[in-house]
Amino acid sequence: MTATPQDRPDPVLRDGAPGADVPGDRDAFHVFDTTLRDGAQREGINLTVADKLTIARHLDEFGVGFIEGGWPGANPRDTEFFQRARREIDFRHARLVAFGATRKAGVAAEADPQVRALIDSGAPVVTLVAKAHDRHVELALRTTPEENLAMIRETVEYVRSRDRRVFVDCEHFFDGYAANPGYALEVVRAASGAGADVVVLCDTNGGMLPSRVHRVVSEVLAATGARLGIHAQDDTGCAVANTLTAVEAGVTHVQCTANGYGERVGNANLFPVVAALELKEGRRVLPAGALAEMTRISHAIAEVVNLTPSTHQPYVGVSAFAHKAGLHASAIKVDPDLYQHIDPERVGNSMRMLVSDMAGRASVELKGRELGYDLTGQRELIGRIVDRVKERELAGYTYEAADASFELLLRDEVQGRIRRFFRLESWRTITDRRPDGEQENEAVVKLWVKGERVVASGEGNGPVNALDRALRSGLERTFPELARFQLVDYRVRILEGRQGTQSITRVLVTAGDGTAEWSTVGVGENVIAASWEALQDAYTHGLLRAGLQPTE
C-alpha cells in the first residue's frame, strides 16, 4: 500500500529536527517519555489539553527523543492534543508519538477505527501495545495465540505502509516470558519481522528485580536479534534500576516518565535514568547542556500537574544535596565531593547546609558563607551561634526549614545587637461569634516605626489573617515595598511530647516577593503568638532583601 497525502504525518513532526548541538546519531539510543500517557494515569493527576501542551514543550526543551502524547481516538482530549500540537508546537528535539492497540481480533487493520485514529493523529511515530502473555491473550483479548500474532504483524505492516515509524510495547512481557518463554519470543519476532523499529519489553505489573531483568533481556536479545526497549513500572521500587540494568544488557530504548509519575506507585523516573546514563555511564543521551536544566524542568512539570515536587527525589529534590550532620559539614568544608556523588550544578541543583540542633561549627560556618557572611576564624562567634541554635531548637524552633529566621539570628549575633524595622508595643486579636453563627475577627497592633508610634487594625477570615492585615496596615505607609510581599504557605504543628490545650505550637510561614521565597518560624504557647513571631520575621527578612536598613 502507498500512503495518501492525508495519511502522511505533518512534516514539522516527521523529523523532530534535532538541534545541531546533539552529538552523534540520536537514533542510536532513544530516550522515550510517556508522561502524557502513562504518567497521566497517576492518581491525582488530571491534565487538560493546555497542561499537556505545556509539558510537551518542557520535555522537548529538555531534549528527550520521543514524547508519547496519548491515545488518539480513545478520548476527545487526546485527539485534540494531537491536533493542537501539530499547529502550536515546533518540536526542536522530540518526535511526537501516538499510542494505541493492535487491531481487534477478526477485524482488518485498515478497517479498525482505533488504528485509523493513530494515522489521523498526524504523529510520525506510533506505539502499538500488544499482548505478550498467552494467558492475557486468551482471557483479556479472548482470542487465540495465533490470531494475536497475526494482529501484531498486520497492524505493524499497515501502520508502516502509512509512512509511520512503529514501536511495539509487549505488555506483561516478563510475566509472559516466565510462564511461556516460547510464545513471548514469538511475539517479539512477529513485531520485529513485520517492521517494528523497537520491541519494548514491559514490566507491566512492576514486579521484576534487576538480576532477572538483566537475564531475560540478554536471552531475548540473543534469541531474536531484535532491537529492544524497556518499560518498567516501580511496584518493587526498582524501576530505575531495572531500566539501567536493561541498558547494560543491551536495550537501546528507555521509556520513562517525568518525576516517575504513573499508575499505582509510578514508572521509571526519567531524571535519575538520564542522569545515571550521562554522569555514571558516560553515555550522551541528551543535547549538550540539557542536563543542567534538569532540576528546573522537573519542578516546572510538577507545577503543571499540581503536585508538590518531592523534596527527596534523587538529583533534583531540594534535599538531594542538603547536609545536616555536623560530621558531614566538617568534611564538606574540606572538599564537597567527600559527601556528594556529583557536583549538584551539573543537574541544575545546589548544595544546601541545614542548621539544626545537630549542627556543629562547620555547619554554621558553611551556612554563613552560603548567606554571605564570612565567619572564617571567628571561633567564639561561631560557638555562640551554635549554642543559640541548639537552645532554641530545644524550645521548639526549627531552622532547617526556616532559613530566613536563621539568617536574622546570624545577623543579630554578627552585629552584636538586634535591629529591626519596627518595634512591637503590643498586639491583640478579638473573635466575635454572632448568633447567626458567623464570626468576626479583628486585630490591633501598636508599633514604633522610625520613632513614631503607629496603631493599626485589620479584619480577616481568622485571627491570624486579621493580625497579618493589621501589621501590613501599620507598615505599608512607611515601607511601600510590603505591597509586593505575599504569604505563600502557612503551616502549624503541635509539638510532640506535650499534651492538651497548653501544648507548645510551632508555625512556619513562607513568604515571597514574586522573584524569591523565604521561610520563617515562630514558637509560642498558642497559635496566634507563634504566628506573630513568624510574620514579623517574614516581613523583616523581606525588607532586608529589598535593600532597606533597619532603624529600631
Protein backbone atom coordinates (compact mmCIF):
# COMPACT_ATOMS: atom_id res chain seq x y z
CA MET A 1 0.00 0.00 0.00
CA THR A 2 1.15 3.56 -0.66
CA ALA A 3 0.43 6.43 1.67
CA THR A 4 -2.09 9.04 0.56
CA PRO A 5 -1.26 12.72 1.23
CA GLN A 6 -3.74 12.92 4.13
CA ASP A 7 -2.14 9.83 5.70
CA ARG A 8 1.34 11.27 5.78
CA PRO A 9 2.48 12.89 9.03
CA ASP A 10 2.88 16.62 9.30
CA PRO A 11 6.40 17.46 8.08
CA VAL A 12 7.00 19.59 11.17
CA LEU A 13 6.59 16.46 13.27
CA ARG A 14 8.20 13.97 10.90
CA ASP A 15 11.84 14.61 11.64
CA GLY A 16 11.83 16.15 15.08
CA ALA A 17 14.64 18.36 13.76
CA PRO A 18 17.31 17.51 16.34
CA GLY A 19 19.41 20.57 17.05
CA ALA A 20 22.97 20.93 15.88
CA ASP A 21 24.14 20.66 19.48
CA VAL A 22 23.15 16.99 19.66
CA PRO A 23 26.24 14.85 19.07
CA GLY A 24 26.22 11.68 17.03
CA ASP A 25 23.21 9.71 15.88
CA ARG A 26 20.17 10.45 18.06
CA ASP A 27 18.63 7.22 16.79
CA ALA A 28 21.38 5.08 18.30
CA PHE A 29 19.76 5.43 21.72
CA HIS A 30 16.19 6.51 22.46
CA VAL A 31 15.01 8.48 25.48
CA PHE A 32 11.27 7.99 25.25
CA ASP A 33 8.95 9.91 27.61
CA THR A 34 5.41 8.75 28.35
CA THR A 35 4.41 11.30 30.99
CA LEU A 36 1.45 12.49 28.90
CA ARG A 37 0.08 8.98 28.52
CA ASP A 38 1.27 6.55 31.20
CA GLY A 39 2.26 9.26 33.71
CA ALA A 40 -1.18 10.84 33.44
CA GLN A 41 -2.67 7.64 34.87
CA ARG A 42 -1.33 8.51 38.32
CA GLU A 43 -4.00 9.03 40.94
CA GLY A 44 -4.47 12.76 41.47
CA ILE A 45 -3.25 13.85 38.03
CA ASN A 46 -5.89 15.26 35.68
CA LEU A 47 -4.31 17.02 32.72
CA THR A 48 -6.11 19.44 30.44
CA VAL A 49 -5.06 19.77 26.82
CA ALA A 50 -3.30 23.02 27.73
CA ASP A 51 -1.42 21.19 30.51
CA LYS A 52 -0.30 18.51 28.07
CA LEU A 53 0.93 21.07 25.57
CA THR A 54 2.93 22.84 28.29
CA ILE A 55 4.53 19.61 29.50
CA ALA A 56 5.35 18.61 25.92
CA ARG A 57 7.21 21.90 25.46
CA HIS A 58 9.19 21.31 28.66
CA LEU A 59 10.11 17.77 27.58
CA ASP A 60 11.16 18.91 24.13
CA GLU A 61 13.27 21.65 25.69
CA PHE A 62 14.89 19.04 27.91
CA GLY A 63 15.84 17.12 24.79
CA VAL A 64 14.06 13.76 25.02
CA GLY A 65 13.89 11.95 21.70
CA PHE A 66 10.24 10.87 21.78
CA ILE A 67 7.14 12.22 23.54
CA GLU A 68 4.17 9.87 23.75
CA GLY A 69 1.23 12.24 23.70
CA GLY A 70 -1.67 9.92 24.46
CA TRP A 71 -4.21 7.63 22.82
CA PRO A 72 -5.93 9.48 19.94
CA GLY A 73 -9.42 8.20 19.29
CA ALA A 74 -9.73 6.76 22.80
CA ASN A 75 -10.85 10.09 24.28
CA PRO A 76 -11.55 13.57 22.87
CA ARG A 77 -8.83 15.22 24.98
CA ASP A 78 -6.01 13.19 23.45
CA THR A 79 -7.42 13.63 19.95
CA GLU A 80 -7.47 17.40 20.48
CA PHE A 81 -3.95 17.34 21.90
CA PHE A 82 -2.51 15.87 18.70
CA GLN A 83 -4.45 18.34 16.57
CA ARG A 84 -3.20 21.31 18.57
CA ALA A 85 0.36 20.01 18.98
CA ARG A 86 0.72 19.92 15.17
CA ARG A 87 -0.28 23.57 14.97
CA GLU A 88 1.18 25.03 18.15
CA ILE A 89 4.49 23.29 18.91
CA ASP A 90 7.60 23.46 16.78
CA PHE A 91 9.49 20.47 18.17
CA ARG A 92 13.25 21.02 18.21
CA HIS A 93 14.41 17.71 19.65
CA ALA A 94 11.48 15.31 20.10
CA ARG A 95 9.29 13.29 17.78
CA LEU A 96 5.64 13.07 18.78
CA VAL A 97 4.28 9.57 19.38
CA ALA A 98 0.68 8.33 19.25
CA PHE A 99 -0.22 5.32 21.39
CA GLY A 100 -2.80 2.67 20.56
CA ALA A 101 -3.51 -1.04 20.36
CA THR A 102 -3.14 -3.58 17.60
CA ARG A 103 -6.24 -4.28 15.54
CA LYS A 104 -9.13 -6.11 17.12
CA ALA A 105 -9.45 -9.84 16.59
CA GLY A 106 -11.25 -10.63 13.35
CA VAL A 107 -11.02 -7.04 12.04
CA ALA A 108 -8.66 -5.89 9.29
CA ALA A 109 -6.16 -3.29 10.43
CA GLU A 110 -7.25 -0.76 7.82
CA ALA A 111 -10.88 -1.18 8.92
CA ASP A 112 -10.21 -0.75 12.66
CA PRO A 113 -11.34 2.79 13.71
CA GLN A 114 -8.84 2.92 16.55
CA VAL A 115 -5.93 2.08 14.25
CA ARG A 116 -7.19 4.67 11.78
CA ALA A 117 -7.21 7.28 14.58
CA LEU A 118 -3.48 6.68 15.06
CA ILE A 119 -2.87 7.57 11.42
CA ASP A 120 -5.21 10.56 11.58
CA SER A 121 -3.32 11.96 14.58
CA GLY A 122 -0.53 13.06 12.26
CA ALA A 123 2.14 11.77 14.64
CA PRO A 124 5.22 10.46 12.80
CA VAL A 125 5.69 7.62 15.31
CA VAL A 126 3.14 5.11 16.58
CA THR A 127 3.45 2.86 19.62
CA LEU A 128 1.30 -0.27 19.46
CA VAL A 129 0.58 -2.18 22.64
CA ALA A 130 0.45 -5.94 22.13
CA LYS A 131 -0.18 -8.88 24.42
CA ALA A 132 2.94 -10.94 25.16
CA HIS A 133 1.45 -13.22 27.83
CA ASP A 134 -0.56 -16.12 26.43
CA ARG A 135 -2.92 -16.08 29.43
CA HIS A 136 -3.79 -12.43 28.75
CA VAL A 137 -4.37 -13.28 25.09
CA GLU A 138 -6.93 -15.90 25.99
CA LEU A 139 -8.62 -14.14 28.94
CA ALA A 140 -8.38 -10.42 28.03
CA LEU A 141 -8.40 -10.47 24.22
CA ARG A 142 -10.49 -13.65 24.09
CA THR A 143 -8.71 -14.90 21.04
CA THR A 144 -6.12 -17.48 20.10
CA PRO A 145 -2.34 -17.10 20.39
CA GLU A 146 -2.07 -17.45 16.61
CA GLU A 147 -4.60 -14.66 15.97
CA ASN A 148 -2.75 -12.40 18.42
CA LEU A 149 0.45 -12.86 16.39
CA ALA A 150 -1.46 -12.04 13.21
CA MET A 151 -2.92 -8.93 14.86
CA ILE A 152 0.60 -7.74 15.69
CA ARG A 153 2.08 -8.45 12.25
CA GLU A 154 -0.77 -6.96 10.25
CA THR A 155 -1.13 -3.81 12.36
CA VAL A 156 2.60 -3.09 12.25
CA GLU A 157 2.65 -3.64 8.47
CA TYR A 158 -0.37 -1.40 7.95
CA VAL A 159 0.94 1.46 10.07
CA ARG A 160 4.35 1.17 8.38
CA SER A 161 2.64 1.37 5.00
CA ARG A 162 1.25 4.73 6.06
CA ASP A 163 4.77 6.11 6.41
CA ARG A 164 4.86 5.86 10.19
CA ARG A 165 7.64 4.56 12.36
CA VAL A 166 6.42 1.82 14.71
CA PHE A 167 7.39 0.75 18.22
CA VAL A 168 5.66 -2.23 19.82
CA ASP A 169 5.10 -2.39 23.60
CA CYS A 170 4.95 -6.05 24.67
CA GLU A 171 2.59 -5.82 27.61
CA HIS A 172 3.26 -8.13 30.59
CA PHE A 173 6.34 -9.41 28.77
CA PHE A 174 8.38 -10.51 31.78
CA ASP A 175 5.46 -12.37 33.36
CA GLY A 176 4.62 -13.89 29.98
CA TYR A 177 8.21 -14.95 29.44
CA ALA A 178 8.24 -16.68 32.83
CA ALA A 179 5.02 -18.54 32.03
CA ASN A 180 5.66 -19.40 28.38
CA PRO A 181 9.01 -18.18 27.06
CA GLY A 182 8.47 -19.70 23.63
CA TYR A 183 5.32 -17.70 22.97
CA ALA A 184 6.75 -14.47 24.38
CA LEU A 185 9.67 -14.81 21.95
CA GLU A 186 7.24 -15.40 19.07
CA VAL A 187 5.59 -12.08 19.91
CA VAL A 188 8.95 -10.29 19.71
CA ARG A 189 9.76 -11.99 16.38
CA ALA A 190 6.33 -11.16 14.95
CA ALA A 191 6.68 -7.47 15.78
CA SER A 192 10.28 -7.16 14.63
CA GLY A 193 9.73 -9.22 11.47
CA ALA A 194 6.78 -7.03 10.45
CA GLY A 195 8.94 -3.91 10.60
CA ALA A 196 8.73 -2.57 14.16
CA ASP A 197 11.82 -0.44 14.80
CA VAL A 198 11.85 -1.27 18.52
CA VAL A 199 10.21 -4.04 20.53
CA VAL A 200 9.73 -2.85 24.10
CA LEU A 201 9.77 -5.38 26.94
CA CYS A 202 7.26 -4.16 29.52
CA ASP A 203 7.27 -4.98 33.22
CA THR A 204 3.63 -4.00 33.37
CA ASN A 205 2.99 -5.20 36.92
CA GLY A 206 6.29 -3.79 38.17
CA GLY A 207 7.27 -7.00 39.92
CA MET A 208 10.73 -7.59 38.45
CA LEU A 209 14.13 -7.26 40.13
CA PRO A 210 17.30 -6.13 38.33
CA SER A 211 19.04 -9.51 38.14
CA ARG A 212 16.03 -11.12 36.46
CA VAL A 213 15.57 -8.20 34.06
CA HIS A 214 19.22 -8.46 33.00
CA ARG A 215 18.94 -12.21 32.39
CA VAL A 216 15.69 -12.01 30.41
CA VAL A 217 16.85 -9.11 28.23
CA SER A 218 20.09 -10.93 27.45
CA GLU A 219 18.23 -14.11 26.50
CA VAL A 220 15.65 -12.32 24.33
CA LEU A 221 18.34 -10.33 22.54
CA ALA A 222 20.34 -13.48 21.79
CA ALA A 223 17.26 -15.42 20.64
CA THR A 224 15.68 -12.76 18.39
CA GLY A 225 18.27 -10.17 17.39
CA ALA A 226 15.51 -7.54 17.62
CA ARG A 227 16.18 -4.00 18.75
CA LEU A 228 14.81 -3.94 22.30
CA GLY A 229 13.47 -1.33 24.69
CA ILE A 230 12.46 -1.38 28.34
CA HIS A 231 9.34 -0.08 30.11
CA ALA A 232 9.48 -0.58 33.88
CA GLN A 233 6.83 0.11 36.50
CA ASP A 234 8.01 0.83 40.05
CA ASP A 235 5.95 -1.53 42.20
CA THR A 236 9.08 -3.08 43.74
CA GLY A 237 10.88 0.27 43.93
CA CYS A 238 13.27 -0.98 41.23
CA ALA A 239 12.03 0.74 38.05
CA VAL A 240 15.12 2.96 37.64
CA ALA A 241 17.46 0.09 38.50
CA ASN A 242 15.59 -2.26 36.15
CA THR A 243 15.83 0.29 33.35
CA LEU A 244 19.57 0.80 33.83
CA THR A 245 20.30 -2.92 34.07
CA ALA A 246 18.30 -3.47 30.87
CA VAL A 247 20.54 -0.92 29.15
CA GLU A 248 23.56 -2.78 30.47
CA ALA A 249 22.10 -5.98 28.96
CA GLY A 250 21.65 -4.37 25.56
CA VAL A 251 18.42 -2.36 25.21
CA THR A 252 18.78 0.94 23.36
CA HIS A 253 15.36 2.46 24.09
CA VAL A 254 14.20 3.51 27.58
CA GLN A 255 10.63 4.52 28.40
CA CYS A 256 10.25 6.80 31.43
CA THR A 257 8.04 9.49 32.92
CA ALA A 258 8.93 12.85 34.44
CA ASN A 259 9.31 12.56 38.22
CA GLY A 260 8.29 8.90 37.99
CA TYR A 261 4.58 9.70 37.59
CA GLY A 262 2.42 6.74 36.65
CA GLU A 263 -0.25 4.26 37.63
CA ARG A 264 -0.13 2.75 41.12
CA VAL A 265 3.31 3.70 42.52
CA GLY A 266 4.63 5.01 39.21
CA ASN A 267 7.07 4.41 36.38
CA ALA A 268 10.82 4.60 35.89
CA ASN A 269 11.75 8.20 36.67
CA LEU A 270 13.13 9.99 33.63
CA PHE A 271 15.52 12.23 35.54
CA PRO A 272 17.63 9.71 37.50
CA VAL A 273 17.69 7.45 34.44
CA VAL A 274 19.18 10.03 32.08
CA ALA A 275 21.45 11.45 34.81
CA ALA A 276 22.85 8.00 35.51
CA LEU A 277 23.38 7.30 31.81
CA GLU A 278 25.17 10.58 31.23
CA LEU A 279 27.05 11.08 34.50
CA LYS A 280 27.71 7.50 35.60
CA GLU A 281 27.93 5.63 32.30
CA GLY A 282 29.34 8.39 30.12
CA ARG A 283 26.59 7.91 27.51
CA ARG A 284 25.38 11.10 25.81
CA VAL A 285 21.61 10.78 25.52
CA LEU A 286 20.55 14.45 25.68
CA PRO A 287 21.55 17.62 23.82
CA ALA A 288 24.59 19.44 25.16
CA GLY A 289 23.76 21.49 28.26
CA ALA A 290 20.33 19.90 28.77
CA LEU A 291 21.25 18.06 31.95
CA ALA A 292 21.95 21.37 33.72
CA GLU A 293 18.26 22.25 33.19
CA MET A 294 17.00 19.03 34.77
CA THR A 295 16.03 20.39 38.20
CA ARG A 296 14.17 23.31 36.66
CA ILE A 297 12.32 21.07 34.20
CA SER A 298 11.39 18.59 36.94
CA HIS A 299 9.92 21.31 39.15
CA ALA A 300 8.17 23.04 36.23
CA ILE A 301 6.35 19.83 35.29
CA ALA A 302 5.42 19.26 38.94
CA GLU A 303 3.82 22.70 38.96
CA VAL A 304 1.78 21.90 35.84
CA VAL A 305 0.42 18.64 37.29
CA ASN A 306 -0.22 20.47 40.59
CA LEU A 307 1.83 18.12 42.75
CA THR A 308 4.41 19.38 45.23
CA PRO A 309 7.88 18.39 43.98
CA SER A 310 9.35 15.56 46.02
CA THR A 311 11.99 17.14 48.24
CA HIS A 312 13.95 13.88 48.45
CA GLN A 313 13.90 12.93 44.77
CA PRO A 314 17.38 11.90 43.52
CA TYR A 315 19.34 14.60 41.69
CA VAL A 316 16.53 17.20 41.51
CA GLY A 317 15.00 17.27 45.01
CA VAL A 318 15.78 20.28 47.17
CA SER A 319 17.18 17.85 49.76
CA ALA A 320 19.25 15.87 47.25
CA PHE A 321 22.39 17.82 48.19
CA ALA A 322 21.33 19.08 51.64
CA HIS A 323 23.66 18.38 54.57
CA LYS A 324 22.58 18.41 58.19
CA ALA A 325 25.02 16.33 60.22
CA GLY A 326 27.96 18.16 61.72
CA LEU A 327 30.30 15.37 60.65
CA HIS A 328 29.26 15.81 57.03
CA ALA A 329 29.65 19.57 57.22
CA SER A 330 33.19 19.26 58.58
CA ALA A 331 34.15 17.06 55.64
CA ILE A 332 32.38 19.23 53.06
CA LYS A 333 34.25 22.25 54.35
CA VAL A 334 37.43 20.47 53.22
CA ASP A 335 36.03 19.06 49.96
CA PRO A 336 32.34 18.95 48.92
CA ASP A 337 32.96 15.75 46.98
CA LEU A 338 33.54 13.85 50.20
CA TYR A 339 29.79 13.65 50.82
CA GLN A 340 28.34 14.31 47.35
CA HIS A 341 28.32 11.83 44.49
CA ILE A 342 28.27 14.60 41.83
CA ASP A 343 28.56 18.36 41.62
CA PRO A 344 24.88 19.42 42.01
CA GLU A 345 25.30 22.19 39.45
CA ARG A 346 25.64 19.53 36.75
CA VAL A 347 21.92 18.82 37.13
CA GLY A 348 20.89 22.39 37.91
CA ASN A 349 20.65 21.84 41.66
CA SER A 350 22.68 23.30 44.51
CA MET A 351 24.23 22.26 47.79
CA ARG A 352 22.41 23.37 50.95
CA MET A 353 23.62 23.43 54.52
CA LEU A 354 20.93 22.76 57.10
CA VAL A 355 21.28 24.29 60.53
CA SER A 356 19.67 22.39 63.40
CA ASP A 357 20.46 21.04 66.83
CA MET A 358 22.70 18.53 65.04
CA ALA A 359 24.82 21.35 63.61
CA GLY A 360 28.43 21.84 64.51
CA ARG A 361 30.82 24.71 63.88
CA ALA A 362 31.45 23.66 60.29
CA SER A 363 27.72 23.64 59.51
CA VAL A 364 27.29 27.16 60.81
CA GLU A 365 30.41 28.44 59.03
CA LEU A 366 29.32 26.93 55.69
CA LYS A 367 25.73 28.14 56.10
CA GLY A 368 27.03 31.61 56.92
CA ARG A 369 29.13 31.56 53.75
CA GLU A 370 26.05 30.49 51.77
CA LEU A 371 24.20 33.52 53.19
CA GLY A 372 27.05 35.94 52.52
CA TYR A 373 28.73 36.03 55.95
CA ASP A 374 32.41 35.12 56.24
CA LEU A 375 32.86 33.52 59.66
CA THR A 376 36.29 32.09 58.99
CA GLY A 377 38.43 32.04 62.13
CA GLN A 378 35.70 33.53 64.37
CA ARG A 379 35.53 30.60 66.77
CA GLU A 380 33.89 32.47 69.63
CA LEU A 381 31.16 33.90 67.37
CA ILE A 382 30.52 30.54 65.72
CA GLY A 383 30.33 28.84 69.12
CA ARG A 384 27.81 31.42 70.30
CA ILE A 385 25.65 30.85 67.22
CA VAL A 386 25.81 27.08 67.61
CA ASP A 387 24.78 27.32 71.28
CA ARG A 388 21.91 29.65 70.49
CA VAL A 389 20.61 27.40 67.69
CA LYS A 390 20.67 24.34 69.93
CA GLU A 391 18.99 26.21 72.78
CA ARG A 392 16.19 27.49 70.55
CA GLU A 393 15.68 24.15 68.77
CA LEU A 394 15.26 22.56 72.19
CA ALA A 395 12.46 25.08 72.79
CA GLY A 396 10.73 24.00 69.56
CA TYR A 397 12.23 26.14 66.78
CA THR A 398 13.43 24.51 63.56
CA TYR A 399 15.96 26.32 61.41
CA GLU A 400 16.50 23.72 58.70
CA ALA A 401 13.01 24.63 57.45
CA ALA A 402 13.32 28.36 58.14
CA ASP A 403 16.42 29.80 56.50
CA ALA A 404 15.20 33.38 56.83
CA SER A 405 14.79 33.14 60.60
CA PHE A 406 18.26 31.63 60.88
CA GLU A 407 19.71 34.46 58.81
CA LEU A 408 18.15 37.00 61.19
CA LEU A 409 19.62 35.11 64.15
CA LEU A 410 23.00 35.04 62.44
CA ARG A 411 22.81 38.72 61.59
CA ASP A 412 21.99 39.61 65.19
CA GLU A 413 24.97 37.66 66.51
CA VAL A 414 27.38 39.08 63.92
CA GLN A 415 26.26 42.64 64.64
CA GLY A 416 26.13 42.06 68.40
CA ARG A 417 22.66 43.54 68.71
CA ILE A 418 19.10 43.12 67.45
CA ARG A 419 17.97 45.67 64.87
CA ARG A 420 14.56 45.64 63.21
CA PHE A 421 12.37 47.89 61.08
CA PHE A 422 9.74 48.19 63.77
CA ARG A 423 9.40 47.62 67.48
CA LEU A 424 6.33 45.99 68.99
CA GLU A 425 4.45 47.65 71.80
CA SER A 426 1.52 45.22 71.82
CA TRP A 427 -0.88 43.24 69.66
CA ARG A 428 -4.40 42.00 70.35
CA THR A 429 -6.90 39.83 68.47
CA ILE A 430 -10.64 39.64 69.04
CA THR A 431 -13.03 36.99 67.68
CA ASP A 432 -16.76 37.65 67.96
CA ARG A 433 -19.26 34.90 67.20
CA ARG A 434 -22.67 36.24 66.26
CA PRO A 435 -26.00 34.49 66.98
CA ASP A 436 -26.24 33.52 63.28
CA GLY A 437 -23.02 31.53 63.57
CA GLU A 438 -20.85 33.96 61.60
CA GLN A 439 -17.55 35.12 63.07
CA GLU A 440 -15.84 38.48 63.01
CA ASN A 441 -12.07 38.58 63.52
CA GLU A 442 -10.26 41.82 64.30
CA ALA A 443 -6.68 42.56 65.30
CA VAL A 444 -4.99 45.70 66.64
CA VAL A 445 -1.21 46.22 66.65
CA LYS A 446 0.74 49.03 68.32
CA LEU A 447 4.19 49.59 66.85
CA TRP A 448 7.08 52.03 66.87
CA VAL A 449 8.33 52.76 63.37
CA LYS A 450 11.19 55.23 62.83
CA GLY A 451 10.48 56.80 66.21
CA GLU A 452 6.76 57.19 65.54
CA ARG A 453 4.04 55.30 67.39
CA VAL A 454 1.67 53.56 64.98
CA VAL A 455 -1.67 51.99 65.88
CA ALA A 456 -3.30 49.91 63.15
CA SER A 457 -6.17 47.45 62.89
CA GLY A 458 -7.23 44.80 60.45
CA GLU A 459 -10.04 42.33 59.81
CA GLY A 460 -9.65 38.86 58.35
CA ASN A 461 -11.17 35.43 57.93
CA GLY A 462 -9.40 34.30 61.10
CA PRO A 463 -7.40 35.88 63.91
CA VAL A 464 -4.03 35.22 62.23
CA ASN A 465 -5.20 36.71 58.93
CA ALA A 466 -6.53 39.73 60.82
CA LEU A 467 -3.17 40.10 62.60
CA ASP A 468 -1.33 39.94 59.28
CA ARG A 469 -3.56 42.64 57.78
CA ALA A 470 -3.14 44.87 60.81
CA LEU A 471 0.65 44.56 60.63
CA ARG A 472 0.64 45.37 56.93
CA SER A 473 -1.64 48.33 57.52
CA GLY A 474 0.71 49.72 60.15
CA LEU A 475 3.84 49.34 58.00
CA GLU A 476 2.88 49.95 54.36
CA ARG A 477 2.84 53.75 54.62
CA THR A 478 6.47 53.72 55.74
CA PHE A 479 7.52 50.69 53.71
CA PRO A 480 5.60 50.56 50.39
CA GLU A 481 7.79 47.59 49.42
CA LEU A 482 5.44 45.44 51.50
CA ALA A 483 2.86 45.67 48.73
CA ARG A 484 4.92 43.14 46.74
CA PHE A 485 5.03 40.62 49.58
CA GLN A 486 2.55 37.78 49.87
CA LEU A 487 2.17 34.80 52.14
CA VAL A 488 2.71 31.65 50.11
CA ASP A 489 2.34 28.95 52.76
CA TYR A 490 1.32 28.67 56.41
CA ARG A 491 1.79 25.53 58.50
CA VAL A 492 1.00 24.79 62.14
CA ARG A 493 2.31 21.92 64.21
CA ILE A 494 1.64 20.97 67.82
CA LEU A 495 4.99 19.80 69.11
CA GLU A 496 5.37 16.19 70.17
CA GLY A 497 5.73 15.31 73.82
CA ARG A 498 3.28 17.93 75.03
CA GLN A 499 -0.43 17.38 75.50
CA GLY A 500 -3.69 19.22 75.81
CA THR A 501 -4.61 22.82 75.18
CA GLN A 502 -1.39 24.06 76.80
CA SER A 503 0.79 22.43 74.12
CA ILE A 504 3.56 24.46 72.50
CA THR A 505 2.80 25.44 68.90
CA ARG A 506 5.22 25.89 66.03
CA VAL A 507 4.28 27.94 62.96
CA LEU A 508 6.18 28.01 59.67
CA VAL A 509 5.44 30.82 57.25
CA THR A 510 6.66 31.05 53.64
CA ALA A 511 6.54 34.48 52.03
CA GLY A 512 7.55 35.73 48.60
CA ASP A 513 8.05 38.87 46.56
CA GLY A 514 7.45 37.47 43.08
CA THR A 515 11.09 36.61 42.48
CA ALA A 516 12.02 34.53 45.53
CA GLU A 517 10.51 32.87 48.57
CA TRP A 518 11.75 32.60 52.16
CA SER A 519 10.57 30.76 55.27
CA THR A 520 10.41 31.81 58.92
CA VAL A 521 9.48 30.09 62.16
CA GLY A 522 7.67 31.12 65.31
CA VAL A 523 7.04 29.20 68.53
CA GLY A 524 4.56 30.07 71.26
CA GLU A 525 2.04 28.82 73.76
CA ASN A 526 -0.75 29.48 71.26
CA VAL A 527 -1.03 29.59 67.51
CA ILE A 528 -1.52 33.37 67.34
CA ALA A 529 1.61 34.17 69.34
CA ALA A 530 3.67 31.75 67.24
CA SER A 531 2.19 33.21 64.07
CA TRP A 532 3.07 36.76 65.11
CA GLU A 533 6.72 35.80 65.58
CA ALA A 534 6.89 34.09 62.19
CA LEU A 535 5.11 37.00 60.47
CA GLN A 536 7.39 39.70 61.88
CA ASP A 537 10.46 37.68 60.84
CA ALA A 538 8.99 37.20 57.35
CA TYR A 539 8.45 40.92 56.77
CA THR A 540 11.77 41.87 58.36
CA HIS A 541 13.64 39.49 56.08
CA GLY A 542 11.70 40.72 53.06
CA LEU A 543 12.58 44.35 53.74
CA LEU A 544 16.24 43.40 54.14
CA ARG A 545 16.04 41.62 50.77
CA ALA A 546 14.65 44.84 49.31
CA GLY A 547 17.85 46.63 50.35
CA LEU A 548 16.45 48.62 53.26
CA GLN A 549 18.27 49.14 56.55
CA PRO A 550 16.55 48.69 59.95
CA THR A 551 16.19 51.67 62.25
CA GLU A 552 14.79 50.29 65.53
